[in-house]
C-alpha atoms as a PDB file:
ATOM      1  CA  MET A   1      -3.880  -1.263 -25.174  1.00  0.00           C
ATOM      2  CA  SER A   2      -5.830   2.360 -25.391  1.00  0.00           C
ATOM      3  CA  GLU A   3      -7.188   4.661 -23.030  1.00  0.00           C
ATOM      4  CA  GLN A   4     -10.500   5.832 -21.240  1.00  0.00           C
ATOM      5  CA  ALA A   5     -12.005   7.319 -17.820  1.00  0.00           C
ATOM      6  CA  THR A   6     -13.373   4.604 -15.791  1.00  0.00           C
ATOM      7  CA  PHE A   7     -15.374   5.288 -12.331  1.00  0.00           C
ATOM      8  CA  LYS A   8     -12.175   5.253 -10.220  1.00  0.00           C
ATOM      9  CA  LEU A   9      -9.727   6.978 -12.952  1.00  0.00           C
ATOM     10  CA  ARG A  10      -9.801  10.543 -15.522  1.00  0.00           C
ATOM     11  CA  ARG A  11      -7.555   8.461 -17.786  1.00  0.00           C
ATOM     12  CA  ALA A  12      -6.162   4.593 -17.778  1.00  0.00           C
ATOM     13  CA  ARG A  13      -5.219   2.173 -19.833  1.00  0.00           C
ATOM     14  CA  LEU A  14      -7.150  -0.399 -20.447  1.00  0.00           C
ATOM     15  CA  LEU A  15      -5.873  -4.593 -19.355  1.00  0.00           C
ATOM     16  CA  ALA A  16      -8.345  -5.282 -22.956  1.00  0.00           C
ATOM     17  CA  SER A  17     -10.773  -4.053 -25.365  1.00  0.00           C
ATOM     18  CA  GLU A  18     -12.930  -2.935 -22.824  1.00  0.00           C
ATOM     19  CA  PRO A  19     -13.064  -1.342 -18.950  1.00  0.00           C
ATOM     20  CA  GLN A  20     -13.450  -4.143 -15.947  1.00  0.00           C
ATOM     21  CA  PRO A  21     -13.083  -7.333 -17.562  1.00  0.00           C
ATOM     22  CA  TRP A  22     -12.563  -9.519 -14.389  1.00  0.00           C
ATOM     23  CA  ARG A  23     -15.963  -8.752 -13.490  1.00  0.00           C
ATOM     24  CA  LEU A  24     -17.294 -10.641 -16.616  1.00  0.00           C
ATOM     25  CA  GLY A  25     -16.291 -14.494 -17.134  1.00  0.00           C
ATOM     26  CA  THR A  26     -14.290 -14.949 -13.905  1.00  0.00           C
ATOM     27  CA  PRO A  27     -14.920 -18.167 -11.280  1.00  0.00           C
ATOM     28  CA  PRO A  28     -16.648 -17.729  -8.219  1.00  0.00           C
ATOM     29  CA  ILE A  29     -14.959 -15.742  -5.443  1.00  0.00           C
ATOM     30  CA  ALA A  30     -15.174 -18.708  -3.546  1.00  0.00           C
ATOM     31  CA  ASP A  31     -12.996 -20.043  -6.244  1.00  0.00           C
ATOM     32  CA  ILE A  32     -11.162 -17.697  -6.655  1.00  0.00           C
ATOM     33  CA  ASN A  33     -10.181 -16.236  -2.996  1.00  0.00           C
ATOM     34  CA  PRO A  34     -12.216 -18.038   0.061  1.00  0.00           C
ATOM     35  CA  VAL A  35      -9.069 -16.946   2.527  1.00  0.00           C
ATOM     36  CA  PRO A  36     -10.668 -13.920   4.807  1.00  0.00           C
ATOM     37  CA  SER A  37      -9.401 -11.159   3.809  1.00  0.00           C
ATOM     38  CA  MET A  38      -8.667  -7.126   4.643  1.00  0.00           C
ATOM     39  CA  ILE A  39      -9.251  -6.959   0.141  1.00  0.00           C
ATOM     40  CA  SER A  40     -12.513  -6.801  -1.644  1.00  0.00           C
ATOM     41  CA  GLU A  41     -14.336  -9.352  -3.734  1.00  0.00           C
ATOM     42  CA  ASP A  42     -13.178  -6.769  -7.312  1.00  0.00           C
ATOM     43  CA  GLU A  43      -9.768  -6.548  -6.027  1.00  0.00           C
ATOM     44  CA  SER A  44      -9.642 -10.118  -5.395  1.00  0.00           C
ATOM     45  CA  ARG A  45     -11.298 -10.730  -8.736  1.00  0.00           C
ATOM     46  CA  PHE A  46      -8.693  -8.356 -10.043  1.00  0.00           C
ATOM     47  CA  LEU A  47      -5.731  -9.891  -8.651  1.00  0.00           C
ATOM     48  CA  HIS A  48      -6.960 -13.665 -10.252  1.00  0.00           C
ATOM     49  CA  TRP A  49      -7.492 -12.070 -13.144  1.00  0.00           C
ATOM     50  CA  ILE A  50      -3.891 -10.104 -13.865  1.00  0.00           C
ATOM     51  CA  ALA A  51      -2.602 -13.273 -13.044  1.00  0.00           C
ATOM     52  CA  ARG A  52      -3.797 -15.299 -15.758  1.00  0.00           C
ATOM     53  CA  HIS A  53      -3.822 -12.704 -18.529  1.00  0.00           C
ATOM     54  CA  CYS A  54      -0.421 -10.905 -17.952  1.00  0.00           C
ATOM     55  CA  VAL A  55       1.876 -12.759 -16.552  1.00  0.00           C
ATOM     56  CA  SER A  56       4.099 -13.845 -19.367  1.00  0.00           C
ATOM     57  CA  GLY A  57       6.021 -16.752 -18.053  1.00  0.00           C
ATOM     58  CA  GLU A  58       8.968 -14.801 -17.845  1.00  0.00           C
ATOM     59  CA  GLY A  59       8.985 -13.443 -14.554  1.00  0.00           C
ATOM     60  CA  GLN A  60       7.970 -14.025 -10.738  1.00  0.00           C
ATOM     61  CA  VAL A  61       5.046 -12.996  -8.684  1.00  0.00           C
ATOM     62  CA  VAL A  62       5.829 -10.704  -5.348  1.00  0.00           C
ATOM     63  CA  ASP A  63       2.752 -10.581  -2.864  1.00  0.00           C
ATOM     64  CA  LEU A  64       4.429  -7.897  -0.154  1.00  0.00           C
ATOM     65  CA  GLY A  65       1.627  -8.444   3.124  1.00  0.00           C
ATOM     66  CA  PRO A  66      -0.545 -11.031   2.545  1.00  0.00           C
ATOM     67  CA  LEU A  67      -1.254 -12.459   6.275  1.00  0.00           C
ATOM     68  CA  ALA A  68      -3.629 -14.884   5.566  1.00  0.00           C
ATOM     69  CA  GLY A  69      -2.792 -15.331   2.256  1.00  0.00           C
ATOM     70  CA  GLY A  70      -6.138 -13.817   0.332  1.00  0.00           C
ATOM     71  CA  SER A  71      -4.354 -11.881  -1.595  1.00  0.00           C
ATOM     72  CA  THR A  72      -2.178 -14.868  -2.720  1.00  0.00           C
ATOM     73  CA  HIS A  73      -4.791 -17.197  -3.202  1.00  0.00           C
ATOM     74  CA  ALA A  74      -6.068 -15.011  -6.133  1.00  0.00           C
ATOM     75  CA  LEU A  75      -2.948 -14.702  -7.947  1.00  0.00           C
ATOM     76  CA  CYS A  76      -2.138 -18.197  -7.570  1.00  0.00           C
ATOM     77  CA  SER A  77      -5.834 -19.307  -9.170  1.00  0.00           C
ATOM     78  CA  GLY A  78      -5.080 -17.133 -11.386  1.00  0.00           C
ATOM     79  CA  LEU A  79      -2.107 -18.746 -12.563  1.00  0.00           C
ATOM     80  CA  ALA A  80      -3.189 -22.387 -12.589  1.00  0.00           C
ATOM     81  CA  ALA A  81      -5.578 -20.906 -15.213  1.00  0.00           C
ATOM     82  CA  ASN A  82      -2.108 -19.296 -17.528  1.00  0.00           C
ATOM     83  CA  ALA A  83      -0.433 -22.515 -19.390  1.00  0.00           C
ATOM     84  CA  ALA A  84       2.205 -19.380 -20.028  1.00  0.00           C
ATOM     85  CA  ALA A  85       2.918 -19.166 -16.712  1.00  0.00           C
ATOM     86  CA  LEU A  86       2.224 -22.712 -15.461  1.00  0.00           C
ATOM     87  CA  GLY A  87       5.790 -24.484 -13.731  1.00  0.00           C
ATOM     88  CA  ARG A  88       7.243 -21.108 -14.412  1.00  0.00           C
ATOM     89  CA  THR A  89       6.338 -18.404 -12.233  1.00  0.00           C
ATOM     90  CA  GLN A  90       5.760 -18.648  -8.603  1.00  0.00           C
ATOM     91  CA  VAL A  91       4.159 -16.430  -6.067  1.00  0.00           C
ATOM     92  CA  HIS A  92       7.023 -15.389  -3.434  1.00  0.00           C
ATOM     93  CA  SER A  93       4.782 -14.270   0.000  1.00  0.00           C
ATOM     94  CA  TYR A  94       6.306 -11.579   2.639  1.00  0.00           C
ATOM     95  CA  ASP A  95       4.958 -11.114   5.742  1.00  0.00           C
ATOM     96  CA  LEU A  96       5.654 -11.373   9.298  1.00  0.00           C
ATOM     97  CA  TRP A  97       3.134 -13.788  10.480  1.00  0.00           C
ATOM     98  CA  ARG A  98       2.714 -12.919  13.728  1.00  0.00           C
ATOM     99  CA  PHE A  99      -0.863 -12.580  15.255  1.00  0.00           C
ATOM    100  CA  PHE A 100      -1.458  -9.340  16.425  1.00  0.00           C
ATOM    101  CA  PRO A 101      -5.698  -8.750  18.705  1.00  0.00           C
ATOM    102  CA  GLY A 102      -8.004  -7.789  16.255  1.00  0.00           C
ATOM    103  CA  TRP A 103      -6.956 -10.412  14.011  1.00  0.00           C
ATOM    104  CA  GLU A 104      -8.785 -12.710  15.321  1.00  0.00           C
ATOM    105  CA  ARG A 105     -11.728 -12.309  12.058  1.00  0.00           C
ATOM    106  CA  PHE A 106      -8.637 -13.615   9.374  1.00  0.00           C
ATOM    107  CA  PHE A 107      -8.480 -16.442  11.677  1.00  0.00           C
ATOM    108  CA  PRO A 108     -11.986 -17.958  12.423  1.00  0.00           C
ATOM    109  CA  GLY A 109     -12.122 -20.893  14.885  1.00  0.00           C
ATOM    110  CA  SER A 110      -8.411 -20.529  16.096  1.00  0.00           C
ATOM    111  CA  ASN A 111      -7.509 -19.944  19.498  1.00  0.00           C
ATOM    112  CA  LEU A 112      -4.712 -17.258  19.091  1.00  0.00           C
ATOM    113  CA  ARG A 113      -2.106 -15.696  21.366  1.00  0.00           C
ATOM    114  CA  PRO A 114      -0.624 -12.523  20.883  1.00  0.00           C
ATOM    115  CA  GLY A 115       2.381 -13.126  18.729  1.00  0.00           C
ATOM    116  CA  GLU A 116       1.949 -16.324  17.637  1.00  0.00           C
ATOM    117  CA  ASP A 117       3.156 -17.410  14.591  1.00  0.00           C
ATOM    118  CA  LEU A 118       0.199 -17.850  11.850  1.00  0.00           C
ATOM    119  CA  LEU A 119       2.490 -19.398   8.675  1.00  0.00           C
ATOM    120  CA  PRO A 120       0.901 -23.249   9.179  1.00  0.00           C
ATOM    121  CA  LEU A 121      -2.222 -21.828   9.065  1.00  0.00           C
ATOM    122  CA  PHE A 122      -1.224 -18.977   5.785  1.00  0.00           C
ATOM    123  CA  ARG A 123       0.265 -22.461   4.349  1.00  0.00           C
ATOM    124  CA  ARG A 124      -3.308 -24.404   5.500  1.00  0.00           C
ATOM    125  CA  ASN A 125      -5.609 -21.906   3.630  1.00  0.00           C
ATOM    126  CA  LEU A 126      -2.895 -22.411   0.448  1.00  0.00           C
ATOM    127  CA  LYS A 127      -2.369 -25.697   0.812  1.00  0.00           C
ATOM    128  CA  GLU A 128      -4.106 -26.113  -3.246  1.00  0.00           C
ATOM    129  CA  PHE A 129      -1.460 -24.483  -4.601  1.00  0.00           C
ATOM    130  CA  ALA A 130       1.349 -25.386  -2.059  1.00  0.00           C
ATOM    131  CA  GLY A 131       3.730 -26.222  -5.749  1.00  0.00           C
ATOM    132  CA  THR A 132       3.277 -22.744  -6.429  1.00  0.00           C
ATOM    133  CA  VAL A 133       3.605 -20.383  -3.124  1.00  0.00           C
ATOM    134  CA  VAL A 134       7.228 -19.602  -1.685  1.00  0.00           C
ATOM    135  CA  ALA A 135       6.537 -18.098   1.619  1.00  0.00           C
ATOM    136  CA  HIS A 136       9.208 -15.267   3.298  1.00  0.00           C
ATOM    137  CA  GLN A 137       8.828 -15.151   6.853  1.00  0.00           C
ATOM    138  CA  GLY A 138      10.094 -11.946   8.608  1.00  0.00           C
ATOM    139  CA  GLY A 139      10.846  -8.664   9.031  1.00  0.00           C
ATOM    140  CA  LEU A 140      10.709  -7.234   5.331  1.00  0.00           C
ATOM    141  CA  VAL A 141      14.096  -4.879   5.265  1.00  0.00           C
ATOM    142  CA  ARG A 142      15.727  -8.019   6.274  1.00  0.00           C
ATOM    143  CA  GLN A 143      14.827  -9.715   3.306  1.00  0.00           C
ATOM    144  CA  ARG A 144      16.825  -9.431  -0.002  1.00  0.00           C
ATOM    145  CA  TRP A 145      15.372 -10.672  -3.499  1.00  0.00           C
ATOM    146  CA  SER A 146      16.811 -13.280  -5.408  1.00  0.00           C
ATOM    147  CA  GLY A 147      17.078 -11.204  -8.485  1.00  0.00           C
ATOM    148  CA  GLN A 148      14.408 -12.909 -11.018  1.00  0.00           C
ATOM    149  CA  PRO A 149      12.921 -10.568 -12.614  1.00  0.00           C
ATOM    150  CA  ILE A 150       9.300  -9.795 -11.567  1.00  0.00           C
ATOM    151  CA  GLU A 151       6.192  -9.217 -13.886  1.00  0.00           C
ATOM    152  CA  ILE A 152       3.230  -8.411 -11.015  1.00  0.00           C
ATOM    153  CA  LEU A 153       4.662  -7.076  -7.827  1.00  0.00           C
ATOM    154  CA  PHE A 154       1.506  -6.581  -5.503  1.00  0.00           C
ATOM    155  CA  ILE A 155       2.009  -3.979  -2.527  1.00  0.00           C
ATOM    156  CA  ASP A 156      -0.017  -4.494   0.914  1.00  0.00           C
ATOM    157  CA  VAL A 157       2.859  -3.915   3.076  1.00  0.00           C
ATOM    158  CA  ALA A 158       4.239   0.120   2.864  1.00  0.00           C
ATOM    159  CA  LYS A 159       2.562   1.172   6.282  1.00  0.00           C
ATOM    160  CA  THR A 160       5.724   2.855   6.725  1.00  0.00           C
ATOM    161  CA  HIS A 161       8.148   5.252   4.724  1.00  0.00           C
ATOM    162  CA  GLY A 162      11.132   2.756   5.479  1.00  0.00           C
ATOM    163  CA  LEU A 163       9.363  -0.010   4.472  1.00  0.00           C
ATOM    164  CA  TRP A 164       8.357   2.154   1.146  1.00  0.00           C
ATOM    165  CA  ARG A 165      11.923   2.646   0.231  1.00  0.00           C
ATOM    166  CA  HIS A 166      12.823  -0.990   0.883  1.00  0.00           C
ATOM    167  CA  VAL A 167      10.742  -2.018  -1.725  1.00  0.00           C
ATOM    168  CA  LEU A 168      11.883   0.306  -4.118  1.00  0.00           C
ATOM    169  CA  ARG A 169      15.309  -0.782  -3.645  1.00  0.00           C
ATOM    170  CA  GLU A 170      14.712  -4.147  -3.031  1.00  0.00           C
ATOM    171  CA  PHE A 171      12.262  -5.332  -5.638  1.00  0.00           C
ATOM    172  CA  LEU A 172      11.411  -2.358  -8.600  1.00  0.00           C
ATOM    173  CA  PRO A 173      14.577  -2.851  -9.706  1.00  0.00           C
ATOM    174  CA  PHE A 174      13.424  -6.490 -10.998  1.00  0.00           C
ATOM    175  CA  CYS A 175      10.257  -4.870 -12.557  1.00  0.00           C
ATOM    176  CA  LEU A 176      10.154  -6.102 -16.018  1.00  0.00           C
ATOM    177  CA  PRO A 177       8.818  -3.165 -18.579  1.00  0.00           C
ATOM    178  CA  GLY A 178       5.126  -4.006 -19.236  1.00  0.00           C
ATOM    179  CA  SER A 179       4.733  -5.395 -15.392  1.00  0.00           C
ATOM    180  CA  LEU A 180       2.377  -4.264 -12.738  1.00  0.00           C
ATOM    181  CA  VAL A 181       3.133  -2.553  -9.922  1.00  0.00           C
ATOM    182  CA  VAL A 182      -0.307  -2.873  -7.460  1.00  0.00           C
ATOM    183  CA  GLN A 183      -0.574  -0.468  -4.591  1.00  0.00           C
ATOM    184  CA  GLN A 184      -3.714  -1.905  -2.103  1.00  0.00           C
ATOM    185  CA  ASP A 185      -3.163   1.274  -0.123  1.00  0.00           C
ATOM    186  CA  TRP A 186      -3.851   3.909  -3.000  1.00  0.00           C
ATOM    187  CA  ALA A 187      -7.758   5.211  -2.035  1.00  0.00           C
ATOM    188  CA  SER A 188      -6.412   6.185   1.528  1.00  0.00           C
ATOM    189  CA  ALA A 189      -4.965   8.705   3.701  1.00  0.00           C
ATOM    190  CA  GLU A 190      -2.764   6.604   5.323  1.00  0.00           C
ATOM    191  CA  CYS A 191       0.381   6.800   3.238  1.00  0.00           C
ATOM    192  CA  PRO A 192       1.242   9.171   1.565  1.00  0.00           C
ATOM    193  CA  TRP A 193       4.869   8.040   1.087  1.00  0.00           C
ATOM    194  CA  LEU A 194       3.528   6.349  -2.386  1.00  0.00           C
ATOM    195  CA  HIS A 195       1.658   9.255  -3.727  1.00  0.00           C
ATOM    196  CA  LEU A 196       4.895  11.048  -3.400  1.00  0.00           C
ATOM    197  CA  GLY A 197       6.812   7.971  -4.495  1.00  0.00           C
ATOM    198  CA  MET A 198       4.802   7.222  -7.779  1.00  0.00           C
ATOM    199  CA  ALA A 199       4.073  10.955  -8.816  1.00  0.00           C
ATOM    200  CA  ARG A 200       7.908  10.936  -8.873  1.00  0.00           C
ATOM    201  CA  LEU A 201       7.959   8.125 -11.353  1.00  0.00           C
ATOM    202  CA  ALA A 202       5.436   9.140 -13.599  1.00  0.00           C
ATOM    203  CA  GLY A 203       7.694   8.837 -16.323  1.00  0.00           C
ATOM    204  CA  HIS A 204       8.286   5.210 -15.629  1.00  0.00           C
ATOM    205  CA  PHE A 205       4.486   4.303 -14.900  1.00  0.00           C
ATOM    206  CA  VAL A 206       1.395   4.240 -16.311  1.00  0.00           C
ATOM    207  CA  PRO A 207      -1.739   3.797 -13.895  1.00  0.00           C
ATOM    208  CA  VAL A 208      -3.864   1.479 -15.444  1.00  0.00           C
ATOM    209  CA  ASP A 209      -7.727   0.531 -14.900  1.00  0.00           C
ATOM    210  CA  SER A 210      -8.092  -0.507 -11.437  1.00  0.00           C
ATOM    211  CA  PRO A 211     -10.276  -2.399  -8.965  1.00  0.00           C
ATOM    212  CA  ASP A 212     -13.074  -1.168  -6.105  1.00  0.00           C
ATOM    213  CA  GLY A 213     -10.933  -0.784  -2.733  1.00  0.00           C
ATOM    214  CA  GLY A 214      -7.648   0.607  -2.151  1.00  0.00           C
ATOM    215  CA  THR A 215      -6.111  -0.595  -5.075  1.00  0.00           C
ATOM    216  CA  LEU A 216      -4.513   0.883  -8.165  1.00  0.00           C
ATOM    217  CA  ALA A 217      -2.408  -0.692 -10.240  1.00  0.00           C
ATOM    218  CA  PHE A 218       0.398   0.671 -12.380  1.00  0.00           C
ATOM    219  CA  ARG A 219       2.163  -0.353 -15.502  1.00  0.00           C
ATOM    220  CA  LEU A 220       5.802   0.066 -15.739  1.00  0.00           C
ATOM    221  CA  GLU A 221       6.780   1.641 -19.308  1.00  0.00           C
ATOM    222  CA  ARG A 222      10.110   1.656 -18.862  1.00  0.00           C
ATOM    223  CA  ALA A 223      12.884  -0.021 -16.941  1.00  0.00           C
ATOM    224  CA  ILE A 224      13.746   2.352 -14.282  1.00  0.00           C
ATOM    225  CA  PRO A 225      17.444   3.686 -12.853  1.00  0.00           C
ATOM    226  CA  LYS A 226      18.828   2.799  -9.354  1.00  0.00           C
ATOM    227  CA  SER A 227      19.740   6.754  -8.913  1.00  0.00           C
ATOM    228  CA  ALA A 228      16.032   7.295  -9.720  1.00  0.00           C
ATOM    229  CA  LEU A 229      14.981   5.016  -6.452  1.00  0.00           C
ATOM    230  CA  ALA A 230      16.848   6.380  -4.629  1.00  0.00           C
ATOM    231  CA  GLY A 231      15.385   9.724  -4.332  1.00  0.00           C
ATOM    232  CA  GLU A 232      13.631  10.529  -1.036  1.00  0.00           C
ATOM    233  CA  ASP A 233       9.377  10.357  -0.438  1.00  0.00           C
ATOM    234  CA  PHE A 234       8.849  12.056   2.604  1.00  0.00           C
ATOM    235  CA  ARG A 235      11.373  14.489   4.071  1.00  0.00           C
ATOM    236  CA  ILE A 236      11.220  16.831   0.750  1.00  0.00           C
ATOM    237  CA  ASP A 237      10.193  20.607  -0.015  1.00  0.00           C
ATOM    238  CA  ARG A 238       7.094  21.547   0.802  1.00  0.00           C
ATOM    239  CA  GLU A 239       6.815  23.408  -2.191  1.00  0.00           C
ATOM    240  CA  VAL A 240       8.010  19.857  -4.411  1.00  0.00           C
ATOM    241  CA  ALA A 241       5.239  17.630  -2.547  1.00  0.00           C
ATOM    242  CA  SER A 242       2.627  19.964  -3.131  1.00  0.00           C
ATOM    243  CA  ARG A 243       3.106  19.732  -7.101  1.00  0.00           C
ATOM    244  CA  ARG A 244       3.305  15.536  -6.749  1.00  0.00           C
ATOM    245  CA  PHE A 245       0.630  15.308  -4.653  1.00  0.00           C
ATOM    246  CA  ALA A 246      -1.310  17.331  -7.347  1.00  0.00           C
ATOM    247  CA  GLU A 247      -0.156  14.789 -10.008  1.00  0.00           C
ATOM    248  CA  ALA A 248      -0.901  12.251  -8.312  1.00  0.00           C
ATOM    249  CA  ALA A 249      -4.440  13.694  -7.199  1.00  0.00           C
ATOM    250  CA  SER A 250      -5.270  13.989 -11.505  1.00  0.00           C
ATOM    251  CA  TRP A 251      -5.104  10.091 -12.109  1.00  0.00           C
ATOM    252  CA  MET A 252      -7.843   9.743 -10.539  1.00  0.00           C
ATOM    253  CA  ALA A 253     -11.597  10.353 -11.167  1.00  0.00           C
ATOM    254  CA  GLY A 254     -14.626  11.824  -8.288  1.00  0.00           C
ATOM    255  CA  TRP A 255     -13.898  10.958  -4.637  1.00  0.00           C
ATOM    256  CA  TYR A 256     -10.534   8.818  -5.258  1.00  0.00           C
ATOM    257  CA  ALA A 257      -8.701  12.201  -5.949  1.00  0.00           C
ATOM    258  CA  LEU A 258      -9.634  13.639  -2.402  1.00  0.00           C
ATOM    259  CA  GLU A 259      -7.994  10.501  -0.806  1.00  0.00           C
ATOM    260  CA  VAL A 260      -4.735  12.134  -2.719  1.00  0.00           C
ATOM    261  CA  ARG A 261      -6.109  15.012  -1.211  1.00  0.00           C
ATOM    262  CA  LEU A 262      -6.044  13.830   2.532  1.00  0.00           C
ATOM    263  CA  ALA A 263      -2.899  11.965   2.159  1.00  0.00           C
ATOM    264  CA  GLU A 264      -1.241  15.007   1.546  1.00  0.00           C
ATOM    265  CA  ALA A 265      -3.081  16.671   4.633  1.00  0.00           C
ATOM    266  CA  HIS A 266      -2.081  13.472   6.802  1.00  0.00           C
ATOM    267  CA  TRP A 267       1.914  13.974   5.435  1.00  0.00           C
ATOM    268  CA  LEU A 268       1.310  17.810   6.353  1.00  0.00           C
ATOM    269  CA  ALA A 269       0.346  16.280  10.097  1.00  0.00           C
ATOM    270  CA  LEU A 270       3.199  14.417  10.416  1.00  0.00           C
ATOM    271  CA  ARG A 271       5.117  16.655   9.131  1.00  0.00           C
ATOM    272  CA  GLY A 272       3.830  19.698  11.849  1.00  0.00           C
ATOM    273  CA  GLU A 273       1.768  21.413   9.856  1.00  0.00           C
ATOM    274  CA  GLU A 274      -1.226  20.738  11.657  1.00  0.00           C
ATOM    275  CA  ALA A 275      -3.037  24.456  10.656  1.00  0.00           C
ATOM    276  CA  GLU A 276      -2.617  23.792   6.873  1.00  0.00           C
ATOM    277  CA  ALA A 277      -3.930  19.893   7.212  1.00  0.00           C
ATOM    278  CA  ALA A 278      -6.594  20.692   9.072  1.00  0.00           C
ATOM    279  CA  ARG A 279      -7.849  23.260   6.502  1.00  0.00           C
ATOM    280  CA  ILE A 280      -6.964  20.804   3.267  1.00  0.00           C
ATOM    281  CA  ALA A 281      -9.365  18.186   5.652  1.00  0.00           C
ATOM    282  CA  ARG A 282     -11.962  20.980   5.853  1.00  0.00           C
ATOM    283  CA  GLU A 283     -11.639  21.757   2.195  1.00  0.00           C
ATOM    284  CA  VAL A 284     -12.125  17.761   1.371  1.00  0.00           C
ATOM    285  CA  ARG A 285     -15.189  17.551   4.328  1.00  0.00           C
ATOM    286  CA  SER A 286     -16.742  20.364   2.212  1.00  0.00           C
ATOM    287  CA  HIS A 287     -16.543  19.498  -1.490  1.00  0.00           C
ATOM    288  CA  PRO A 288     -19.340  18.288  -3.758  1.00  0.00           C
ATOM    289  CA  ASP A 289     -17.893  14.469  -4.614  1.00  0.00           C
ATOM    290  CA  TYR A 290     -17.551  13.512  -0.369  1.00  0.00           C
ATOM    291  CA  ALA A 291     -18.244  10.299  -0.187  1.00  0.00           C
ATOM    292  CA  ALA A 292     -18.897   8.657   2.989  1.00  0.00           C
ATOM    293  CA  ASP A 293     -15.850   6.422   2.320  1.00  0.00           C
ATOM    294  CA  LEU A 294     -13.650   9.204   3.225  1.00  0.00           C
ATOM    295  CA  ASP A 295     -15.209   9.272   6.528  1.00  0.00           C
ATOM    296  CA  TYR A 296     -12.016   7.190   8.041  1.00  0.00           C
ATOM    297  CA  ASP A 297      -9.420   8.918   6.794  1.00  0.00           C
ATOM    298  CA  VAL A 298     -10.668  12.549   7.525  1.00  0.00           C
ATOM    299  CA  LYS A 299     -10.603  11.518  11.243  1.00  0.00           C
ATOM    300  CA  LEU A 300      -7.016   9.633  10.496  1.00  0.00           C
ATOM    301  CA  VAL A 301      -6.101  13.262   9.767  1.00  0.00           C
ATOM    302  CA  PHE A 302      -7.747  15.162  12.293  1.00  0.00           C
ATOM    303  CA  ASP A 303      -6.184  12.034  14.814  1.00  0.00           C
ATOM    304  CA  ALA A 304      -2.738  12.433  13.698  1.00  0.00           C
ATOM    305  CA  ILE A 305      -3.440  16.434  14.203  1.00  0.00           C
ATOM    306  CA  GLU A 306      -4.463  15.726  17.879  1.00  0.00           C
ATOM    307  CA  ALA A 307      -1.576  13.434  18.595  1.00  0.00           C
ATOM    308  CA  ARG A 308       1.202  15.997  17.247  1.00  0.00           C
ATOM    309  CA  SER A 309      -0.471  18.520  19.870  1.00  0.00           C
ATOM    310  CA  ARG A 310      -0.418  16.338  23.115  1.00  0.00           C
ATOM    311  CA  SER A 311       3.620  15.046  21.686  1.00  0.00           C
ATOM    312  CA  LEU A 312       4.358  19.028  21.939  1.00  0.00           C
ATOM    313  CA  TYR A 313       2.679  19.683  25.167  1.00  0.00           C
ATOM    314  CA  GLN A 314       4.315  16.679  26.265  1.00  0.00           C
ATOM    315  CA  LYS A 315       6.898  17.307  25.383  1.00  0.00           C
ATOM    316  CA  GLY A 316       6.899  21.067  26.728  1.00  0.00           C
ATOM    317  CA  ARG A 317       5.854  20.317  29.534  1.00  0.00           C
ATOM    318  CA  ASP A 318       9.274  17.566  29.819  1.00  0.00           C
ATOM    319  CA  ALA A 319      11.609  20.467  29.455  1.00  0.00           C
ATOM    320  CA  TRP A 320       9.762  22.927  31.882  1.00  0.00           C
ATOM    321  CA  THR A 321      10.274  20.030  34.274  1.00  0.00           C
ATOM    322  CA  ARG A 322      14.166  19.310  33.372  1.00  0.00           C
ATOM    323  CA  THR A 323      14.277  23.412  33.686  1.00  0.00           C
ATOM    324  CA  ALA A 324      12.363  23.630  36.871  1.00  0.00           C
ATOM    325  CA  ARG A 325      14.507  20.678  38.563  1.00  0.00           C
ATOM    326  CA  ARG A 326      17.506  22.348  37.790  1.00  0.00           C
ATOM    327  CA  ALA A 327      16.286  25.785  39.111  1.00  0.00           C
ATOM    328  CA  ALA A 328      15.724  23.765  42.151  1.00  0.00           C
ATOM    329  CA  MET A 329      18.715  21.974  42.307  1.00  0.00           C
ATOM    330  CA  ALA A 330      21.020  25.521  41.527  1.00  0.00           C
ATOM    331  CA  ILE A 331      18.666  27.025  44.472  1.00  0.00           C
ATOM    332  CA  ARG A 332      20.204  23.936  46.927  1.00  0.00           C
ATOM    333  CA  ALA A 333      23.544  24.380  45.979  1.00  0.00           C
ATOM    334  CA  ARG A 334      23.681  28.447  46.657  1.00  0.00           C
ATOM    335  CA  THR A 335      22.141  27.622  49.958  1.00  0.00           C
ATOM    336  CA  SER A 336      23.500  24.277  51.303  1.00  0.00           C
END
């Protein structure tokens, strides 16, 4: 596989002789992914293409966080056109499958109540591939992988550091060399542990040509020892984190690199370093590569700073109230 710069990466391992092969010769998007989804059309085509061309049949496909099943449908439609994987590889989809208000657009025509079970609707959306899909319902941290080799690991569930650590421990050890680890939340500031973690493991992965949207895919070059997977990706020294964020940003081109900078700002805000977080966010906002795609994440950083400030203010008020109450009790005790 050759390497070259793409619209998203300064240097990427190509998946074919030309960049973005998933944009040419794939079926209509209605066949690849007709399910309402948070992933973009380009991401759906990418998942279809890698399942069709990058799965040998030696391992399984893991889909973490499909909700209504858009990513699952894209992966299954690719496997259906992959003679080597047919009958050998399944898509293992993991989700809580409980309805939350605001998700109505992903389940049109359904009158759902908060907390209602979504698994029947997921199965309905995937009925065409019922023999290919294995659904694992429940909180991810309670789930265990079977130990089978994995060829594609699609991650759209690592919304907390704890979930990311579980993915590292439970699924990454079974990824085969040459497998693809697809981070759907990469071009986002919401999950800074992903950037810190993948930079920490940079000696094992290489970024590959990836679609538009939040996704960045990595090819596993060599197996990762369990000792490396047990490392820390959040509560780390500021200087170490700065080097890791710089490493992760160095892979990206244009405004995508600024997303990693905003992830660093978010990490700082979560740690309580509000002034430095704000400085980075303002620096990003004035950068020549700034794009409207970054507006959401700039707001995310400043919202995190404000939330942290409110929390500290409330803690201060609570502490003052407790002190005042203790003082009043002491006075009453002395005067009674």
